PDB file of N, CA and C in Angstrom:
ATOM      1  N   MET A   1     -20.433  -6.925 -71.049  1.00  0.00           N
ATOM      2  CA  MET A   1     -20.955  -5.564 -71.016  1.00  0.00           C
ATOM      3  C   MET A   1     -20.845  -5.210 -69.447  1.00  0.00           C
ATOM      4  N   ARG A   2     -20.856  -3.885 -69.238  1.00  0.00           N
ATOM      5  CA  ARG A   2     -20.605  -3.278 -68.087  1.00  0.00           C
ATOM      6  C   ARG A   2     -22.055  -2.790 -67.499  1.00  0.00           C
ATOM      7  N   GLU A   3     -21.983  -2.213 -66.433  1.00  0.00           N
ATOM      8  CA  GLU A   3     -23.235  -1.579 -65.864  1.00  0.00           C
ATOM      9  C   GLU A   3     -23.473  -0.084 -66.444  1.00  0.00           C
ATOM     10  N   TRP A   4     -24.713   0.221 -66.580  1.00  0.00           N
ATOM     11  CA  TRP A   4     -25.043   1.505 -67.323  1.00  0.00           C
ATOM     12  C   TRP A   4     -26.079   2.169 -66.281  1.00  0.00           C
ATOM     13  N   PRO A   5     -25.956   3.570 -65.881  1.00  0.00           N
ATOM     14  CA  PRO A   5     -26.736   4.227 -65.165  1.00  0.00           C
ATOM     15  C   PRO A   5     -28.327   4.357 -65.849  1.00  0.00           C
ATOM     16  N   GLY A   6     -29.286   3.781 -65.006  1.00  0.00           N
ATOM     17  CA  GLY A   6     -30.637   3.837 -65.442  1.00  0.00           C
ATOM     18  C   GLY A   6     -30.940   2.913 -66.755  1.00  0.00           C
ATOM     19  N   ILE A   7     -30.209   2.096 -67.046  1.00  0.00           N
ATOM     20  CA  ILE A   7     -30.216   1.067 -68.186  1.00  0.00           C
ATOM     21  C   ILE A   7     -29.857  -0.266 -67.827  1.00  0.00           C
ATOM     22  N   ALA A   8     -30.663  -1.175 -68.235  1.00  0.00           N
ATOM     23  CA  ALA A   8     -30.607  -2.577 -68.035  1.00  0.00           C
ATOM     24  C   ALA A   8     -30.269  -3.238 -69.363  1.00  0.00           C
ATOM     25  N   VAL A   9     -29.121  -3.990 -69.453  1.00  0.00           N
ATOM     26  CA  VAL A   9     -28.710  -4.602 -70.699  1.00  0.00           C
ATOM     27  C   VAL A   9     -28.675  -6.097 -70.531  1.00  0.00           C
ATOM     28  N   GLU A  10     -29.414  -6.996 -71.297  1.00  0.00           N
ATOM     29  CA  GLU A  10     -29.385  -8.301 -71.274  1.00  0.00           C
ATOM     30  C   GLU A  10     -29.249  -8.912 -72.785  1.00  0.00           C
ATOM     31  N   ARG A  11     -28.948 -10.183 -72.607  1.00  0.00           N
ATOM     32  CA  ARG A  11     -28.909 -10.956 -73.967  1.00  0.00           C
ATOM     33  C   ARG A  11     -29.800 -12.232 -73.865  1.00  0.00           C
ATOM     34  N   PRO A  12     -31.156 -11.878 -74.258  1.00  0.00           N
ATOM     35  CA  PRO A  12     -32.055 -13.011 -74.048  1.00  0.00           C
ATOM     36  C   PRO A  12     -31.833 -14.199 -74.963  1.00  0.00           C
ATOM     37  N   GLU A  13     -31.198 -14.198 -76.167  1.00  0.00           N
ATOM     38  CA  GLU A  13     -30.800 -15.161 -76.879  1.00  0.00           C
ATOM     39  C   GLU A  13     -29.528 -14.712 -77.960  1.00  0.00           C
ATOM     40  N   ALA A  14     -29.012 -15.596 -78.488  1.00  0.00           N
ATOM     41  CA  ALA A  14     -27.673 -15.377 -79.236  1.00  0.00           C
ATOM     42  C   ALA A  14     -28.099 -14.206 -80.331  1.00  0.00           C
ATOM     43  N   GLY A  15     -27.393 -13.266 -80.403  1.00  0.00           N
ATOM     44  CA  GLY A  15     -27.359 -12.228 -81.296  1.00  0.00           C
ATOM     45  C   GLY A  15     -28.281 -11.118 -81.169  1.00  0.00           C
ATOM     46  N   ILE A  16     -29.078 -11.267 -79.977  1.00  0.00           N
ATOM     47  CA  ILE A  16     -30.073 -10.191 -79.553  1.00  0.00           C
ATOM     48  C   ILE A  16     -29.497  -9.549 -78.294  1.00  0.00           C
ATOM     49  N   LEU A  17     -29.613  -8.075 -78.346  1.00  0.00           N
ATOM     50  CA  LEU A  17     -29.248  -7.290 -77.199  1.00  0.00           C
ATOM     51  C   LEU A  17     -30.509  -6.639 -76.843  1.00  0.00           C
ATOM     52  N   LEU A  18     -30.967  -6.698 -75.534  1.00  0.00           N
ATOM     53  CA  LEU A  18     -32.073  -6.059 -75.102  1.00  0.00           C
ATOM     54  C   LEU A  18     -31.647  -5.063 -74.018  1.00  0.00           C
ATOM     55  N   VAL A  19     -32.033  -3.759 -74.487  1.00  0.00           N
ATOM     56  CA  VAL A  19     -31.659  -2.529 -73.840  1.00  0.00           C
ATOM     57  C   VAL A  19     -33.052  -1.937 -73.149  1.00  0.00           C
ATOM     58  N   THR A  20     -33.086  -1.796 -71.903  1.00  0.00           N
ATOM     59  CA  THR A  20     -34.255  -1.416 -71.259  1.00  0.00           C
ATOM     60  C   THR A  20     -33.775  -0.063 -70.459  1.00  0.00           C
ATOM     61  N   LEU A  21     -34.682   0.843 -70.815  1.00  0.00           N
ATOM     62  CA  LEU A  21     -34.643   2.134 -70.042  1.00  0.00           C
ATOM     63  C   LEU A  21     -35.441   1.977 -68.808  1.00  0.00           C
ATOM     64  N   ASN A  22     -34.639   2.089 -67.644  1.00  0.00           N
ATOM     65  CA  ASN A  22     -35.161   1.475 -66.321  1.00  0.00           C
ATOM     66  C   ASN A  22     -35.310   2.695 -65.290  1.00  0.00           C
ATOM     67  N   ARG A  23     -36.186   3.710 -65.704  1.00  0.00           N
ATOM     68  CA  ARG A  23     -36.686   4.612 -64.618  1.00  0.00           C
ATOM     69  C   ARG A  23     -38.203   4.598 -64.646  1.00  0.00           C
ATOM     70  N   PRO A  24     -38.832   3.711 -64.471  1.00  0.00           N
ATOM     71  CA  PRO A  24     -40.393   3.636 -64.465  1.00  0.00           C
ATOM     72  C   PRO A  24     -41.034   4.730 -63.733  1.00  0.00           C
ATOM     73  N   ASP A  25     -40.349   5.230 -62.562  1.00  0.00           N
ATOM     74  CA  ASP A  25     -40.987   6.353 -61.798  1.00  0.00           C
ATOM     75  C   ASP A  25     -40.913   7.531 -62.284  1.00  0.00           C
ATOM     76  N   LYS A  26     -40.164   7.765 -63.452  1.00  0.00           N
ATOM     77  CA  LYS A  26     -39.995   8.924 -64.207  1.00  0.00           C
ATOM     78  C   LYS A  26     -40.522   8.785 -65.610  1.00  0.00           C
ATOM     79  N   LEU A  27     -41.183   7.777 -65.955  1.00  0.00           N
ATOM     80  CA  LEU A  27     -41.895   7.373 -67.252  1.00  0.00           C
ATOM     81  C   LEU A  27     -40.644   7.098 -68.160  1.00  0.00           C
ATOM     82  N   ASN A  28     -39.509   6.745 -67.687  1.00  0.00           N
ATOM     83  CA  ASN A  28     -38.389   6.364 -68.483  1.00  0.00           C
ATOM     84  C   ASN A  28     -37.690   7.372 -69.291  1.00  0.00           C
ATOM     85  N   ALA A  29     -37.965   8.628 -68.722  1.00  0.00           N
ATOM     86  CA  ALA A  29     -37.300   9.814 -69.336  1.00  0.00           C
ATOM     87  C   ALA A  29     -35.820   9.675 -69.206  1.00  0.00           C
ATOM     88  N   LEU A  30     -35.225   9.983 -70.351  1.00  0.00           N
ATOM     89  CA  LEU A  30     -33.698   9.919 -70.439  1.00  0.00           C
ATOM     90  C   LEU A  30     -33.113  11.213 -69.587  1.00  0.00           C
ATOM     91  N   THR A  31     -32.103  10.775 -68.950  1.00  0.00           N
ATOM     92  CA  THR A  31     -31.147  11.837 -68.249  1.00  0.00           C
ATOM     93  C   THR A  31     -30.042  12.054 -69.203  1.00  0.00           C
ATOM     94  N   PHE A  32     -29.274  13.222 -69.011  1.00  0.00           N
ATOM     95  CA  PHE A  32     -28.129  13.393 -69.658  1.00  0.00           C
ATOM     96  C   PHE A  32     -27.043  12.222 -69.497  1.00  0.00           C
ATOM     97  N   GLU A  33     -26.997  11.601 -68.216  1.00  0.00           N
ATOM     98  CA  GLU A  33     -26.058  10.577 -68.155  1.00  0.00           C
ATOM     99  C   GLU A  33     -26.445   9.346 -68.903  1.00  0.00           C
ATOM    100  N   MET A  34     -27.931   8.970 -68.843  1.00  0.00           N
ATOM    101  CA  MET A  34     -28.356   7.793 -69.688  1.00  0.00           C
ATOM    102  C   MET A  34     -28.089   8.065 -71.003  1.00  0.00           C
ATOM    103  N   PHE A  35     -28.216   9.294 -71.661  1.00  0.00           N
ATOM    104  CA  PHE A  35     -28.079   9.627 -72.967  1.00  0.00           C
ATOM    105  C   PHE A  35     -26.573   9.295 -73.297  1.00  0.00           C
ATOM    106  N   ASP A  36     -25.593   9.714 -72.516  1.00  0.00           N
ATOM    107  CA  ASP A  36     -24.251   9.576 -72.794  1.00  0.00           C
ATOM    108  C   ASP A  36     -23.941   8.032 -72.657  1.00  0.00           C
ATOM    109  N   ALA A  37     -24.503   7.333 -71.869  1.00  0.00           N
ATOM    110  CA  ALA A  37     -24.467   5.792 -71.623  1.00  0.00           C
ATOM    111  C   ALA A  37     -24.870   4.998 -72.936  1.00  0.00           C
ATOM    112  N   LEU A  38     -26.098   5.401 -73.298  1.00  0.00           N
ATOM    113  CA  LEU A  38     -26.461   4.877 -74.588  1.00  0.00           C
ATOM    114  C   LEU A  38     -25.513   4.969 -75.812  1.00  0.00           C
ATOM    115  N   ASN A  39     -24.973   6.119 -75.761  1.00  0.00           N
ATOM    116  CA  ASN A  39     -24.028   6.569 -76.910  1.00  0.00           C
ATOM    117  C   ASN A  39     -22.816   5.587 -76.674  1.00  0.00           C
ATOM    118  N   GLU A  40     -22.270   5.409 -75.473  1.00  0.00           N
ATOM    119  CA  GLU A  40     -21.133   4.496 -75.293  1.00  0.00           C
ATOM    120  C   GLU A  40     -21.484   3.069 -75.593  1.00  0.00           C
ATOM    121  N   LEU A  41     -22.749   2.631 -75.171  1.00  0.00           N
ATOM    122  CA  LEU A  41     -23.140   1.426 -75.519  1.00  0.00           C
ATOM    123  C   LEU A  41     -23.308   1.106 -76.949  1.00  0.00           C
ATOM    124  N   ARG A  42     -23.681   2.102 -77.662  1.00  0.00           N
ATOM    125  CA  ARG A  42     -23.721   2.125 -79.175  1.00  0.00           C
ATOM    126  C   ARG A  42     -22.378   1.672 -79.671  1.00  0.00           C
ATOM    127  N   HIS A  43     -21.267   2.506 -79.201  1.00  0.00           N
ATOM    128  CA  HIS A  43     -20.084   2.295 -79.758  1.00  0.00           C
ATOM    129  C   HIS A  43     -19.487   0.794 -79.395  1.00  0.00           C
ATOM    130  N   GLU A  44     -19.861   0.436 -78.293  1.00  0.00           N
ATOM    131  CA  GLU A  44     -19.300  -1.064 -77.838  1.00  0.00           C
ATOM    132  C   GLU A  44     -20.078  -1.939 -78.784  1.00  0.00           C
ATOM    133  N   VAL A  45     -21.461  -1.761 -79.038  1.00  0.00           N
ATOM    134  CA  VAL A  45     -22.085  -2.826 -79.950  1.00  0.00           C
ATOM    135  C   VAL A  45     -21.568  -2.796 -81.264  1.00  0.00           C
ATOM    136  N   GLU A  46     -21.248  -1.595 -81.888  1.00  0.00           N
ATOM    137  CA  GLU A  46     -20.754  -1.604 -83.179  1.00  0.00           C
ATOM    138  C   GLU A  46     -19.447  -2.309 -83.226  1.00  0.00           C
ATOM    139  N   ASP A  47     -18.574  -2.471 -82.237  1.00  0.00           N
ATOM    140  CA  ASP A  47     -17.545  -3.418 -82.413  1.00  0.00           C
ATOM    141  C   ASP A  47     -17.718  -4.883 -81.954  1.00  0.00           C
ATOM    142  N   ASP A  48     -18.933  -5.242 -81.724  1.00  0.00           N
ATOM    143  CA  ASP A  48     -19.383  -6.661 -81.168  1.00  0.00           C
ATOM    144  C   ASP A  48     -20.067  -7.298 -82.298  1.00  0.00           C
ATOM    145  N   ALA A  49     -19.257  -8.242 -82.991  1.00  0.00           N
ATOM    146  CA  ALA A  49     -19.858  -8.970 -84.245  1.00  0.00           C
ATOM    147  C   ALA A  49     -20.852  -9.940 -83.724  1.00  0.00           C
ATOM    148  N   SER A  50     -20.937 -10.236 -82.456  1.00  0.00           N
ATOM    149  CA  SER A  50     -21.908 -11.122 -82.223  1.00  0.00           C
ATOM    150  C   SER A  50     -23.497 -10.630 -81.755  1.00  0.00           C
ATOM    151  N   VAL A  51     -23.538  -9.148 -81.872  1.00  0.00           N
ATOM    152  CA  VAL A  51     -24.825  -8.738 -81.771  1.00  0.00           C
ATOM    153  C   VAL A  51     -25.294  -8.308 -83.109  1.00  0.00           C
ATOM    154  N   ARG A  52     -26.497  -9.016 -83.545  1.00  0.00           N
ATOM    155  CA  ARG A  52     -27.138  -8.620 -84.800  1.00  0.00           C
ATOM    156  C   ARG A  52     -28.257  -7.900 -84.704  1.00  0.00           C
ATOM    157  N   MET A  53     -28.837  -7.674 -83.527  1.00  0.00           N
ATOM    158  CA  MET A  53     -30.074  -6.995 -83.356  1.00  0.00           C
ATOM    159  C   MET A  53     -30.122  -6.153 -82.040  1.00  0.00           C
ATOM    160  N   VAL A  54     -30.462  -5.044 -81.931  1.00  0.00           N
ATOM    161  CA  VAL A  54     -30.651  -4.391 -80.681  1.00  0.00           C
ATOM    162  C   VAL A  54     -32.224  -3.966 -80.548  1.00  0.00           C
ATOM    163  N   VAL A  55     -32.663  -4.306 -79.410  1.00  0.00           N
ATOM    164  CA  VAL A  55     -34.138  -3.910 -79.049  1.00  0.00           C
ATOM    165  C   VAL A  55     -33.971  -2.947 -77.874  1.00  0.00           C
ATOM    166  N   LEU A  56     -34.535  -1.724 -78.206  1.00  0.00           N
ATOM    167  CA  LEU A  56     -34.664  -0.779 -77.205  1.00  0.00           C
ATOM    168  C   LEU A  56     -36.088  -0.520 -76.508  1.00  0.00           C
ATOM    169  N   THR A  57     -36.061  -0.733 -75.262  1.00  0.00           N
ATOM    170  CA  THR A  57     -37.551  -0.689 -74.672  1.00  0.00           C
ATOM    171  C   THR A  57     -37.564   0.215 -73.352  1.00  0.00           C
ATOM    172  N   GLY A  58     -38.606   0.252 -72.625  1.00  0.00           N
ATOM    173  CA  GLY A  58     -38.790   0.937 -71.421  1.00  0.00           C
ATOM    174  C   GLY A  58     -39.427  -0.026 -70.491  1.00  0.00           C
ATOM    175  N   ALA A  59     -38.932   0.276 -69.213  1.00  0.00           N
ATOM    176  CA  ALA A  59     -39.466  -0.488 -68.111  1.00  0.00           C
ATOM    177  C   ALA A  59     -41.056  -0.243 -67.940  1.00  0.00           C
ATOM    178  N   ASP A  60     -41.798  -1.148 -67.577  1.00  0.00           N
ATOM    179  CA  ASP A  60     -43.241  -0.979 -67.539  1.00  0.00           C
ATOM    180  C   ASP A  60     -43.459   0.092 -66.168  1.00  0.00           C
ATOM    181  N   TRP A  61     -44.383   0.982 -66.440  1.00  0.00           N
ATOM    182  CA  TRP A  61     -44.806   2.063 -65.371  1.00  0.00           C
ATOM    183  C   TRP A  61     -46.322   1.682 -65.150  1.00  0.00           C
ATOM    184  N   VAL A  62     -46.445   1.533 -63.788  1.00  0.00           N
ATOM    185  CA  VAL A  62     -47.846   1.427 -63.557  1.00  0.00           C
ATOM    186  C   VAL A  62     -48.131   2.284 -62.125  1.00  0.00           C
ATOM    187  N   GLY A  63     -48.964   3.256 -62.309  1.00  0.00           N
ATOM    188  CA  GLY A  63     -49.332   4.132 -61.318  1.00  0.00           C
ATOM    189  C   GLY A  63     -50.668   4.530 -61.289  1.00  0.00           C
ATOM    190  N   PRO A  64     -51.176   5.527 -60.497  1.00  0.00           N
ATOM    191  CA  PRO A  64     -52.535   5.691 -60.270  1.00  0.00           C
ATOM    192  C   PRO A  64     -53.389   6.085 -61.539  1.00  0.00           C
ATOM    193  N   ASP A  65     -52.714   6.768 -62.578  1.00  0.00           N
ATOM    194  CA  ASP A  65     -53.444   7.109 -63.711  1.00  0.00           C
ATOM    195  C   ASP A  65     -52.950   6.308 -65.028  1.00  0.00           C
ATOM    196  N   SER A  66     -52.414   5.240 -64.597  1.00  0.00           N
ATOM    197  CA  SER A  66     -51.971   4.278 -65.577  1.00  0.00           C
ATOM    198  C   SER A  66     -52.979   3.268 -66.003  1.00  0.00           C
ATOM    199  N   ASP A  67     -53.036   2.928 -67.409  1.00  0.00           N
ATOM    200  CA  ASP A  67     -53.889   1.883 -67.911  1.00  0.00           C
ATOM    201  C   ASP A  67     -53.146   0.553 -67.862  1.00  0.00           C
ATOM    202  N   GLY A  68     -52.026   0.451 -67.236  1.00  0.00           N
ATOM    203  CA  GLY A  68     -51.297  -0.761 -67.051  1.00  0.00           C
ATOM    204  C   GLY A  68     -50.409  -0.849 -68.207  1.00  0.00           C
ATOM    205  N   GLY A  69     -50.433  -0.233 -69.230  1.00  0.00           N
ATOM    206  CA  GLY A  69     -49.410  -0.266 -70.429  1.00  0.00           C
ATOM    207  C   GLY A  69     -48.715   1.175 -70.572  1.00  0.00           C
ATOM    208  N   GLY A  70     -49.185   2.087 -69.683  1.00  0.00           N
ATOM    209  CA  GLY A  70     -48.558   3.443 -69.796  1.00  0.00           C
ATOM    210  C   GLY A  70     -49.674   4.203 -70.493  1.00  0.00           C
ATOM    211  N   SER A  71     -49.938   5.415 -69.779  1.00  0.00           N
ATOM    212  CA  SER A  71     -50.971   6.264 -70.283  1.00  0.00           C
ATOM    213  C   SER A  71     -50.509   7.072 -71.408  1.00  0.00           C
ATOM    214  N   THR A  72     -51.529   7.268 -72.430  1.00  0.00           N
ATOM    215  CA  THR A  72     -51.251   7.995 -73.487  1.00  0.00           C
ATOM    216  C   THR A  72     -52.040   9.280 -73.415  1.00  0.00           C
ATOM    217  N   SER A  73     -52.477   9.787 -72.272  1.00  0.00           N
ATOM    218  CA  SER A  73     -53.282  11.033 -71.901  1.00  0.00           C
ATOM    219  C   SER A  73     -52.219  12.097 -71.886  1.00  0.00           C
ATOM    220  N   ARG A  74     -51.031  11.892 -71.753  1.00  0.00           N
ATOM    221  CA  ARG A  74     -50.003  12.950 -71.582  1.00  0.00           C
ATOM    222  C   ARG A  74     -49.354  13.314 -72.919  1.00  0.00           C
ATOM    223  N   ARG A  75     -49.710  12.461 -73.930  1.00  0.00           N
ATOM    224  CA  ARG A  75     -48.844  12.732 -75.233  1.00  0.00           C
ATOM    225  C   ARG A  75     -49.520  13.930 -75.810  1.00  0.00           C
ATOM    226  N   ARG A  76     -48.518  14.770 -76.559  1.00  0.00           N
ATOM    227  CA  ARG A  76     -48.933  15.959 -77.182  1.00  0.00           C
ATOM    228  C   ARG A  76     -48.465  15.897 -78.599  1.00  0.00           C
ATOM    229  N   GLY A  77     -49.331  16.435 -79.397  1.00  0.00           N
ATOM    230  CA  GLY A  77     -48.901  16.614 -80.818  1.00  0.00           C
ATOM    231  C   GLY A  77     -50.098  16.668 -81.640  1.00  0.00           C
ATOM    232  N   PRO A  78     -49.912  16.852 -82.908  1.00  0.00           N
ATOM    233  CA  PRO A  78     -51.099  17.067 -83.794  1.00  0.00           C
ATOM    234  C   PRO A  78     -52.041  15.938 -83.789  1.00  0.00           C
ATOM    235  N   GLU A  79     -53.368  16.232 -83.909  1.00  0.00           N
ATOM    236  CA  GLU A  79     -54.319  15.260 -84.000  1.00  0.00           C
ATOM    237  C   GLU A  79     -54.218  14.362 -85.148  1.00  0.00           C
ATOM    238  N   PRO A  80     -54.364  13.038 -85.115  1.00  0.00           N
ATOM    239  CA  PRO A  80     -54.235  12.130 -86.243  1.00  0.00           C
ATOM    240  C   PRO A  80     -55.214  12.473 -87.382  1.00  0.00           C
ATOM    241  N   VAL A  81     -54.806  12.443 -88.602  1.00  0.00           N
ATOM    242  CA  VAL A  81     -55.730  12.850 -89.671  1.00  0.00           C
ATOM    243  C   VAL A  81     -56.325  11.298 -90.319  1.00  0.00           C
ATOM    244  N   PRO A  82     -57.537  11.038 -90.256  1.00  0.00           N
ATOM    245  CA  PRO A  82     -58.047   9.952 -90.764  1.00  0.00           C
ATOM    246  C   PRO A  82     -57.730   9.797 -92.310  1.00  0.00           C
ATOM    247  N   CYS A  83     -57.376   8.496 -92.568  1.00  0.00           N
ATOM    248  CA  CYS A  83     -57.240   8.157 -94.083  1.00  0.00           C
ATOM    249  C   CYS A  83     -58.377   8.001 -94.811  1.00  0.00           C
ATOM    250  N   ARG A  84     -58.411   8.522 -95.907  1.00  0.00           N
ATOM    251  CA  ARG A  84     -59.673   8.277 -96.976  1.00  0.00           C
ATOM    252  C   ARG A  84     -59.427   7.073 -97.874  1.00  0.00           C
ATOM    253  N   SER A  85     -60.451   6.297 -97.909  1.00  0.00           N
ATOM    254  CA  SER A  85     -60.437   5.191 -98.898  1.00  0.00           C
ATOM    255  C   SER A  85     -60.736   5.691-100.230  1.00  0.00           C
TER     256      SER A  85
END
């Protein structure tokens, strides 16, 4: 595998490819360059029979308003609807 901009690629064990978005200072936001790199990587993995699973994750971000695992206070979207039993 080659180098990818803003993306770390590892093989922690046989058959597993670990892909880490590596821009913790930007909360691992994708750039157009990273998006293109992920697409190229996908094509390479499709042709690699030794890869049985791809894990996509983001580098840890720890900052002044972080709880250590990434703050959820910035997430937007509809409020969750409680399930009824």
